[in-house]
Protein backbone atom coordinates (compact mmCIF):
# COMPACT_ATOMS: atom_id res chain seq x y z
CA MET A 1 91.82 96.27 69.14
CA PRO A 2 94.44 99.11 68.22
CA GLN A 3 95.12 101.63 70.84
CA ALA A 4 93.58 104.33 68.71
CA THR A 5 90.28 102.49 68.14
CA ASN A 6 90.07 102.30 71.92
CA ASP A 7 90.94 105.78 72.82
CA ALA A 8 88.18 107.21 70.24
CA ARG A 9 85.60 104.71 71.76
CA SER A 10 86.45 105.88 75.09
CA LEU A 11 86.06 109.63 74.02
CA VAL A 12 82.58 108.47 72.47
CA ASP A 13 81.26 107.14 75.28
CA GLN A 14 82.71 109.89 77.48
CA LEU A 15 80.69 112.43 74.93
CA ARG A 16 77.61 110.32 75.10
CA GLN A 17 77.53 110.20 78.70
CA ALA A 18 78.14 114.08 79.58
CA PHE A 19 75.66 115.00 76.67
CA SER A 20 72.81 112.37 77.92
CA THR A 21 73.22 114.04 81.50
CA HIS A 22 73.52 117.78 80.24
CA ASP A 23 76.96 117.88 81.91
CA LEU A 24 78.03 121.00 79.87
CA GLU A 25 81.54 121.37 81.81
CA ALA A 26 82.43 117.58 80.88
CA PHE A 27 80.91 118.05 77.07
CA GLY A 28 83.08 121.18 76.76
CA ALA A 29 86.08 119.45 78.17
CA LEU A 30 85.89 116.69 75.41
CA LEU A 31 85.56 119.19 72.55
CA ALA A 32 88.05 120.59 70.54
CA ASP A 33 88.67 124.54 70.56
CA ASP A 34 87.75 124.67 67.05
CA VAL A 35 84.72 122.23 67.12
CA ARG A 36 81.80 123.22 64.47
CA TRP A 37 78.11 122.45 65.19
CA GLY A 38 75.44 123.00 62.08
CA ASP A 39 75.78 124.09 58.47
CA ASP A 40 78.93 126.07 57.47
CA GLU A 41 76.43 128.31 55.31
CA HIS A 42 74.08 129.04 58.33
CA PRO A 43 74.22 132.35 59.81
CA ARG A 44 74.08 131.26 63.43
CA ARG A 45 76.53 128.25 62.81
CA CYS A 46 78.87 127.49 65.77
CA LYS A 47 82.34 127.56 65.14
CA ASN A 48 84.44 127.12 68.56
CA ARG A 49 83.75 125.44 71.68
CA SER A 50 82.61 128.64 73.33
CA GLU A 51 79.84 129.36 70.77
CA VAL A 52 78.82 125.32 70.84
CA LEU A 53 78.37 125.44 74.67
CA GLY A 54 76.75 128.67 74.68
CA THR A 55 74.08 127.53 72.27
CA PHE A 56 73.41 124.25 74.03
CA SER A 57 73.20 126.12 77.14
CA ARG A 58 70.49 128.63 75.90
CA LEU A 59 68.80 125.63 73.90
CA LEU A 60 68.36 123.72 77.64
CA SER A 61 67.31 126.29 79.65
CA ASP A 62 64.55 126.84 76.84
CA GLY A 63 63.56 123.68 77.46
CA VAL A 64 65.15 121.85 74.32
CA ASP A 65 66.33 118.28 74.80
CA ALA A 66 68.73 116.47 72.79
CA GLU A 67 69.61 113.00 72.15
CA ILE A 68 72.77 111.45 70.23
CA THR A 69 71.55 109.49 67.43
CA GLU A 70 74.84 108.57 65.91
CA LEU A 71 78.62 109.08 66.59
CA LEU A 72 81.00 108.30 63.86
CA THR A 73 84.96 108.51 64.31
CA GLY A 74 87.30 109.52 61.75
CA THR A 75 90.98 110.65 61.40
CA ASP A 76 89.58 114.39 61.22
CA GLY A 77 87.48 114.05 64.46
CA ILE A 78 84.09 112.80 65.70
CA LEU A 79 80.76 113.40 63.68
CA CYS A 80 77.53 113.70 66.11
CA ALA A 81 74.09 113.25 64.60
CA LEU A 82 71.45 114.78 66.96
CA SER A 83 67.69 114.40 67.57
CA MET A 84 66.49 117.67 69.01
CA GLN A 85 63.00 117.56 70.94
CA TRP A 86 61.75 120.88 71.12
CA PRO A 87 59.19 122.25 73.95
CA GLU A 88 55.35 122.18 73.05
CA ASN A 89 54.96 125.72 73.32
CA ASN A 90 57.44 126.50 70.56
């Protein structure tokens, strides 16, 4: 397996581990400065590492949980699909 593929797989594994354990410090260290989350047309989209970490921190404190359902690697980065579980009282 080529080194780039091994590196991408290692990064995917690290992202999955940090996210599943809610380790936002480790998760943030793996994100690019210009990471994006959400639809570009949405008014509350996240456009950088700080915004993504702030959003996830707020969601976790509100009792929301999420699971990574898919991670796809490509030349421009990694695409992460999530399944969100909202608390019953929301």
